[in-house]
Amino acid sequence: MPINNEDSRVRRTKKLIRQGLVELARTKRINKITVKELTDHIEINRGTFYLHYKDVYDLVDALENELYADFDAKLSSYTGEALLKTAVDVCEDFCTHFYEHKDLYSTFLGANGDAQFAYKLGERLNERVYEIFKSIFPNMDDTKYDFTYFYGKYGLIGLVTCWFTEHPDWTPRQVAEMWLRVTTLGLWGVLGDEGKEVLLNAKNSR
């Protein structure tokens, strides 16, 4: 039976289990990791593991749900008006969340992670994002919203993945500014005047 009292010893044990999962997932798919492998790796007995989780799947679900809850809480704290007024600061707040949980996002979004993670994250957040979009763009129809939402969701997942795998030295603020620039201005915003000229020439050459 799971322990409800989150004392310091329990928190240390859960942190150790989390660290072990992340380390093993660097070389092996999460769904192939066994409790024995995990407990042997971090040198605790299986009985201690079972005090907190039923199996590795239960562990993964618990960690993912923590991320969903934290991200959803941040999203729920902002209104559409606030997003428009302080967009880059809001983006930085979310990027700080990703950075603080870098080990888990890298694991779940990586090649050995949970293939359904991005989808499940989006499903949990879709209702709130829809409310925000409707408050900013009340006349947007649902078809346009669907295209915009999916573009934004998978673009964000790609941006976070690129950040942690290709440019881990970037700060949350730098990534937030790039995220906002790509989302609002597209390639023109990223490539600058030279990029605009190339894209316009490509468009006009057809």
Protein backbone atom coordinates (compact mmCIF):
# COMPACT_ATOMS: atom_id res chain seq x y z
CA MET A 1 0.00 0.00 0.00
CA PRO A 2 1.44 3.42 -0.96
CA ILE A 3 2.77 5.62 1.82
CA ASN A 4 0.88 8.92 2.22
CA ASN A 5 3.23 10.60 4.64
CA GLU A 6 5.77 12.35 2.43
CA ASP A 7 8.53 12.64 5.01
CA SER A 8 12.12 13.34 4.04
CA ARG A 9 13.04 9.66 3.87
CA VAL A 10 10.15 8.91 1.52
CA ARG A 11 11.05 11.87 -0.69
CA ARG A 12 14.69 10.73 -0.87
CA THR A 13 13.63 7.21 -1.82
CA LYS A 14 11.27 8.43 -4.54
CA LYS A 15 13.94 10.77 -5.86
CA LEU A 16 16.38 7.85 -6.03
CA ILE A 17 13.84 5.69 -7.87
CA ARG A 18 13.15 8.53 -10.30
CA GLN A 19 16.87 9.02 -10.92
CA GLY A 20 17.32 5.30 -11.52
CA LEU A 21 14.52 5.22 -14.09
CA VAL A 22 16.02 8.19 -15.95
CA GLU A 23 19.47 6.59 -16.00
CA LEU A 24 18.25 3.20 -17.25
CA ALA A 25 16.08 4.84 -19.93
CA ARG A 26 19.22 6.26 -21.55
CA THR A 27 20.00 2.79 -22.91
CA LYS A 28 16.73 0.87 -22.67
CA ARG A 29 13.08 1.53 -23.47
CA ILE A 30 11.02 2.40 -20.43
CA ASN A 31 8.46 -0.33 -21.11
CA LYS A 32 11.25 -2.93 -21.04
CA ILE A 33 12.71 -1.91 -17.66
CA THR A 34 11.86 -4.29 -14.84
CA VAL A 35 11.50 -3.60 -11.14
CA LYS A 36 14.46 -5.90 -10.48
CA GLU A 37 16.68 -4.01 -12.91
CA LEU A 38 15.68 -0.71 -11.38
CA THR A 39 16.12 -1.73 -7.76
CA ASP A 40 19.44 -3.46 -8.51
CA HIS A 41 20.63 -0.33 -10.29
CA ILE A 42 19.90 1.99 -7.37
CA GLU A 43 20.71 -0.66 -4.74
CA ILE A 44 17.44 -0.85 -2.84
CA ASN A 45 15.33 -3.93 -2.23
CA ARG A 46 12.17 -4.56 -4.20
CA GLY A 47 10.06 -4.37 -1.08
CA THR A 48 10.99 -0.72 -0.70
CA PHE A 49 9.96 -0.02 -4.29
CA TYR A 50 6.60 -1.73 -3.79
CA LEU A 51 5.86 0.49 -0.80
CA HIS A 52 5.45 3.33 -3.29
CA TYR A 53 4.59 1.86 -6.70
CA LYS A 54 2.87 -1.28 -8.03
CA ASP A 55 5.28 -1.65 -10.95
CA VAL A 56 7.33 0.43 -13.41
CA TYR A 57 4.20 1.42 -15.32
CA ASP A 58 2.70 2.80 -12.11
CA LEU A 59 5.93 4.72 -11.50
CA VAL A 60 5.86 6.22 -15.00
CA ASP A 61 2.19 7.17 -14.61
CA ALA A 62 2.88 8.86 -11.28
CA LEU A 63 5.79 10.89 -12.68
CA GLU A 64 3.87 11.87 -15.80
CA ASN A 65 0.84 12.90 -13.75
CA GLU A 66 3.06 15.18 -11.66
CA LEU A 67 4.21 16.91 -14.85
CA TYR A 68 0.66 17.19 -16.18
CA ALA A 69 -0.59 18.66 -12.90
CA ASP A 70 2.22 21.22 -12.62
CA PHE A 71 1.90 22.31 -16.25
CA ASP A 72 -1.90 22.50 -16.03
CA ALA A 73 -1.70 24.55 -12.83
CA LYS A 74 0.53 27.08 -14.59
CA LEU A 75 -1.77 27.23 -17.60
CA SER A 76 -4.84 27.68 -15.41
CA SER A 77 -3.23 30.61 -13.61
CA TYR A 78 -3.15 32.73 -16.79
CA THR A 79 -5.93 34.46 -18.67
CA GLY A 80 -5.92 35.23 -22.36
CA GLU A 81 -5.45 38.91 -21.52
CA ALA A 82 -2.38 38.14 -19.41
CA LEU A 83 -0.91 36.04 -22.20
CA LEU A 84 -1.21 38.94 -24.61
CA LYS A 85 0.26 41.52 -22.21
CA THR A 86 3.19 39.52 -20.86
CA ALA A 87 3.63 36.79 -23.46
CA VAL A 88 7.39 36.37 -23.20
CA ASP A 89 7.27 36.23 -19.40
CA VAL A 90 4.53 33.61 -19.54
CA CYS A 91 6.56 31.58 -22.04
CA GLU A 92 9.58 31.87 -19.77
CA ASP A 93 7.50 30.57 -16.85
CA PHE A 94 6.60 27.46 -18.83
CA CYS A 95 10.16 27.03 -20.08
CA THR A 96 11.36 27.20 -16.48
CA HIS A 97 8.95 24.36 -15.71
CA PHE A 98 10.46 22.30 -18.53
CA TYR A 99 13.96 23.10 -17.34
CA GLU A 100 13.23 22.18 -13.72
CA HIS A 101 11.96 18.79 -14.91
CA LYS A 102 14.51 18.38 -17.68
CA ASP A 103 15.40 14.83 -16.69
CA LEU A 104 11.82 13.60 -17.00
CA TYR A 105 10.94 15.50 -20.18
CA SER A 106 14.14 14.28 -21.83
CA THR A 107 13.28 10.73 -20.78
CA PHE A 108 9.62 10.66 -21.76
CA LEU A 109 10.14 12.51 -25.05
CA GLY A 110 13.31 10.61 -25.94
CA ALA A 111 13.74 7.57 -28.14
CA ASN A 112 13.35 5.20 -25.17
CA GLY A 113 10.49 7.10 -23.57
CA ASP A 114 6.71 6.99 -23.65
CA ALA A 115 5.41 7.35 -27.20
CA GLN A 116 2.03 8.52 -25.89
CA PHE A 117 3.41 11.17 -23.53
CA ALA A 118 3.01 14.17 -25.85
CA TYR A 119 -0.47 13.03 -26.87
CA LYS A 120 -1.60 12.54 -23.28
CA LEU A 121 -0.19 15.90 -22.26
CA GLY A 122 -2.13 17.57 -25.06
CA GLU A 123 -5.37 15.80 -24.21
CA ARG A 124 -5.14 16.93 -20.61
CA LEU A 125 -4.59 20.55 -21.63
CA ASN A 126 -6.83 20.89 -24.67
CA GLU A 127 -9.91 22.11 -22.80
CA ARG A 128 -8.05 24.92 -21.02
CA VAL A 129 -6.18 25.98 -24.17
CA TYR A 130 -9.51 26.12 -26.02
CA GLU A 131 -10.94 28.46 -23.37
CA ILE A 132 -7.93 30.76 -23.67
CA PHE A 133 -8.08 30.81 -27.47
CA LYS A 134 -11.79 31.63 -27.42
CA SER A 135 -11.19 34.49 -25.00
CA ILE A 136 -8.56 35.98 -27.32
CA PHE A 137 -10.20 35.09 -30.66
CA PRO A 138 -13.95 34.77 -29.97
CA ASN A 139 -14.80 34.43 -33.66
CA MET A 140 -12.32 31.62 -34.37
CA ASP A 141 -14.17 28.53 -35.59
CA ASP A 142 -13.33 25.09 -34.24
CA THR A 143 -11.61 23.91 -37.44
CA LYS A 144 -9.12 26.77 -37.31
CA TYR A 145 -8.64 26.14 -33.61
CA ASP A 146 -7.87 22.44 -34.22
CA PHE A 147 -5.19 23.21 -36.79
CA THR A 148 -3.70 25.96 -34.64
CA TYR A 149 -3.74 23.89 -31.47
CA PHE A 150 -2.09 20.82 -32.97
CA TYR A 151 0.51 22.95 -34.74
CA GLY A 152 1.31 24.71 -31.50
CA LYS A 153 1.33 21.57 -29.37
CA TYR A 154 3.69 19.54 -31.52
CA GLY A 155 5.79 22.60 -32.27
CA LEU A 156 6.29 23.08 -28.54
CA ILE A 157 7.20 19.41 -28.07
CA GLY A 158 9.73 19.71 -30.88
CA LEU A 159 11.16 22.91 -29.43
CA VAL A 160 11.63 21.35 -25.97
CA THR A 161 13.19 18.23 -27.48
CA CYS A 162 15.59 20.33 -29.57
CA TRP A 163 16.48 22.41 -26.53
CA PHE A 164 17.48 19.49 -24.35
CA THR A 165 19.19 17.42 -27.04
CA GLU A 166 20.86 20.03 -29.25
CA HIS A 167 21.17 23.26 -27.24
CA PRO A 168 21.12 22.36 -23.51
CA ASP A 169 23.13 25.47 -22.65
CA TRP A 170 20.26 27.78 -23.60
CA THR A 171 18.43 29.45 -20.71
CA PRO A 172 14.65 29.32 -20.22
CA ARG A 173 14.49 32.99 -21.25
CA GLN A 174 16.32 32.37 -24.52
CA VAL A 175 14.06 29.44 -25.36
CA ALA A 176 10.97 31.45 -24.38
CA GLU A 177 11.95 34.22 -26.79
CA MET A 178 12.55 31.70 -29.58
CA TRP A 179 9.25 29.94 -28.83
CA LEU A 180 7.33 33.21 -29.00
CA ARG A 181 9.13 34.33 -32.16
CA VAL A 182 8.49 31.05 -33.99
CA THR A 183 4.86 30.86 -32.84
CA THR A 184 3.88 34.42 -33.69
CA LEU A 185 6.14 35.28 -36.63
CA GLY A 186 7.06 31.91 -38.16
CA LEU A 187 10.15 31.52 -40.34
CA TRP A 188 10.22 35.21 -41.15
CA GLY A 189 10.61 36.06 -37.50
CA VAL A 190 13.49 33.63 -37.07
CA LEU A 191 15.40 34.16 -40.31
CA GLY A 192 15.10 37.95 -40.44
CA ASP A 193 15.16 40.15 -43.54
CA GLU A 194 17.38 37.82 -45.55
CA GLY A 195 15.01 34.95 -44.86
CA LYS A 196 12.01 37.05 -45.84
CA GLU A 197 13.60 37.84 -49.20
CA VAL A 198 14.32 34.16 -49.89
CA LEU A 199 10.79 33.12 -48.97
CA LEU A 200 9.18 35.90 -50.97
CA ASN A 201 11.27 35.01 -54.03
CA ALA A 202 10.25 31.36 -53.67
CA LYS A 203 6.59 32.40 -53.46
CA ASN A 204 6.78 34.76 -56.43
CA SER A 205 8.65 32.28 -58.63
CA ARG A 206 5.70 29.93 -58.90
